[in-house]
C-alpha atoms as a PDB file:
ATOM      1  CA  PRO A   1       0.000   0.000   0.000  1.00  0.00           C
ATOM      2  CA  VAL A   2       1.008   3.591  -0.700  1.00  0.00           C
ATOM      3  CA  LEU A   3       1.484   6.110   2.111  1.00  0.00           C
ATOM      4  CA  THR A   4       0.648   9.738   1.383  1.00  0.00           C
ATOM      5  CA  THR A   5       2.324  12.400   3.508  1.00  0.00           C
ATOM      6  CA  SER A   6       1.667  16.129   3.363  1.00  0.00           C
ATOM      7  CA  TYR A   7       3.403  19.110   4.928  1.00  0.00           C
ATOM      8  CA  PHE A   8       1.866  22.558   5.178  1.00  0.00           C
ATOM      9  CA  ASP A   9       2.737  25.934   6.644  1.00  0.00           C
ATOM     10  CA  ALA A  10       1.513  29.502   6.527  1.00  0.00           C
ATOM     11  CA  ASN A  11       3.455  32.731   6.826  1.00  0.00           C
ATOM     12  CA  LEU A  12       1.390  35.399   8.574  1.00  0.00           C
ATOM     13  CA  TYR A  13       1.581  38.825   6.889  1.00  0.00           C
ATOM     14  CA  ALA A  14       3.811  37.581   4.076  1.00  0.00           C
ATOM     15  CA  ASP A  15       2.620  40.628   2.132  1.00  0.00           C
ATOM     16  CA  MET A  16       2.885  43.598   4.468  1.00  0.00           C
ATOM     17  CA  LEU A  17       1.037  45.868   2.040  1.00  0.00           C
ATOM     18  CA  THR A  18      -2.178  43.816   1.907  1.00  0.00           C
ATOM     19  CA  GLY A  19      -1.743  41.838   5.155  1.00  0.00           C
ATOM     20  CA  ARG A  20      -2.299  38.520   3.406  1.00  0.00           C
ATOM     21  CA  SER A  21      -0.574  35.311   4.451  1.00  0.00           C
ATOM     22  CA  MET A  22       1.275  32.844   2.223  1.00  0.00           C
ATOM     23  CA  THR A  23       0.407  29.130   2.166  1.00  0.00           C
ATOM     24  CA  GLY A  24       2.956  26.441   1.315  1.00  0.00           C
ATOM     25  CA  ILE A  25       2.103  22.749   0.864  1.00  0.00           C
ATOM     26  CA  LEU A  26       4.167  19.689  -0.139  1.00  0.00           C
ATOM     27  CA  HIS A  27       2.626  16.298  -0.950  1.00  0.00           C
ATOM     28  CA  PHE A  28       4.648  13.079  -0.928  1.00  0.00           C
ATOM     29  CA  ILE A  29       3.863   9.511  -1.952  1.00  0.00           C
ATOM     30  CA  ASN A  30       6.135   7.018  -0.186  1.00  0.00           C
ATOM     31  CA  GLN A  31       8.668   9.804   0.521  1.00  0.00           C
ATOM     32  CA  MET A  32       8.735  10.868  -3.148  1.00  0.00           C
ATOM     33  CA  PRO A  33       7.603  14.433  -3.926  1.00  0.00           C
ATOM     34  CA  LEU A  34       4.368  14.439  -5.890  1.00  0.00           C
ATOM     35  CA  ASP A  35       2.998  17.983  -5.789  1.00  0.00           C
ATOM     36  CA  TRP A  36       3.676  21.387  -4.266  1.00  0.00           C
ATOM     37  CA  TYR A  37       1.497  24.430  -3.767  1.00  0.00           C
ATOM     38  CA  SER A  38       2.415  27.981  -2.841  1.00  0.00           C
ATOM     39  CA  LYS A  39      -0.055  30.817  -3.010  1.00  0.00           C
ATOM     40  CA  LYS A  40      -1.084  34.001  -1.271  1.00  0.00           C
ATOM     41  CA  GLN A  41      -4.234  33.459   0.792  1.00  0.00           C
ATOM     42  CA  SER A  42      -7.367  35.227  -0.412  1.00  0.00           C
ATOM     43  CA  THR A  43      -8.363  36.345   3.098  1.00  0.00           C
ATOM     44  CA  VAL A  44      -6.582  38.523   5.658  1.00  0.00           C
ATOM     45  CA  ALA A  45      -5.922  36.719   8.938  1.00  0.00           C
ATOM     46  CA  THR A  46      -5.291  38.681  12.101  1.00  0.00           C
ATOM     47  CA  ALA A  47      -3.624  35.815  13.961  1.00  0.00           C
ATOM     48  CA  THR A  48      -1.320  32.911  13.152  1.00  0.00           C
ATOM     49  CA  PHE A  49      -4.090  30.434  14.044  1.00  0.00           C
ATOM     50  CA  GLY A  50      -6.332  31.775  11.292  1.00  0.00           C
ATOM     51  CA  SER A  51      -3.715  31.586   8.561  1.00  0.00           C
ATOM     52  CA  GLU A  52      -2.615  28.093   9.666  1.00  0.00           C
ATOM     53  CA  PHE A  53      -6.244  26.940   9.692  1.00  0.00           C
ATOM     54  CA  VAL A  54      -6.740  28.165   6.116  1.00  0.00           C
ATOM     55  CA  ALA A  55      -3.548  26.359   5.052  1.00  0.00           C
ATOM     56  CA  ALA A  56      -4.727  23.153   6.770  1.00  0.00           C
ATOM     57  CA  ARG A  57      -8.092  23.365   4.980  1.00  0.00           C
ATOM     58  CA  ILE A  58      -6.463  23.792   1.577  1.00  0.00           C
ATOM     59  CA  CYS A  59      -4.059  20.919   2.321  1.00  0.00           C
ATOM     60  CA  THR A  60      -6.926  18.629   3.337  1.00  0.00           C
ATOM     61  CA  GLU A  61      -8.879  19.412   0.155  1.00  0.00           C
ATOM     62  CA  GLN A  62      -5.820  18.614  -1.959  1.00  0.00           C
ATOM     63  CA  ILE A  63      -5.201  15.345  -0.089  1.00  0.00           C
ATOM     64  CA  LEU A  64      -8.756  14.215  -0.815  1.00  0.00           C
ATOM     65  CA  GLU A  65      -8.315  15.024  -4.518  1.00  0.00           C
ATOM     66  CA  ILE A  66      -4.988  13.160  -4.722  1.00  0.00           C
ATOM     67  CA  ARG A  67      -6.385  10.087  -2.957  1.00  0.00           C
ATOM     68  CA  ILE A  68      -9.436   9.993  -5.252  1.00  0.00           C
ATOM     69  CA  ILE A  69      -7.221  10.154  -8.345  1.00  0.00           C
ATOM     70  CA  LEU A  70      -4.952   7.402  -7.001  1.00  0.00           C
ATOM     71  CA  ARG A  71      -7.981   5.205  -6.251  1.00  0.00           C
ATOM     72  CA  TYR A  72      -9.293   5.721  -9.808  1.00  0.00           C
ATOM     73  CA  LEU A  73      -5.879   4.598 -11.082  1.00  0.00           C
ATOM     74  CA  GLY A  74      -6.092   1.439  -8.960  1.00  0.00           C
ATOM     75  CA  VAL A  75      -3.257   2.325  -6.577  1.00  0.00           C
ATOM     76  CA  PRO A  76      -3.611   0.589  -3.197  1.00  0.00           C
ATOM     77  CA  LEU A  77      -3.607   3.175  -0.388  1.00  0.00           C
ATOM     78  CA  LYS A  78      -3.027   2.912   3.327  1.00  0.00           C
ATOM     79  CA  ASP A  79      -6.045   3.777   5.475  1.00  0.00           C
ATOM     80  CA  PHE A  80      -4.410   6.886   6.963  1.00  0.00           C
ATOM     81  CA  VAL A  81      -2.614  10.028   5.826  1.00  0.00           C
ATOM     82  CA  CYS A  82       0.302  11.732   7.575  1.00  0.00           C
ATOM     83  CA  ILE A  83      -0.247  15.488   7.799  1.00  0.00           C
ATOM     84  CA  ARG A  84       2.561  17.506   9.318  1.00  0.00           C
ATOM     85  CA  ARG A  85       2.940  21.162  10.046  1.00  0.00           C
END
């Protein structure tokens, strides 16, 4: 079975002009990089918790998409996902 691991982080006030945070996400399959994502968040968070929560939500949505695609391709998956911050 294949193990999917994802790392995410958010940088509060990455853009000091607009106050928006930056989200960074890395997805791995069996310790091999599969996908990365880096984008300015569309909302302005006033605390680190808010920006991290948005990053976690985006990461979770991407994990679900990746796992669905892998299932369609017939790849056996482990029952759990490692998500690390």
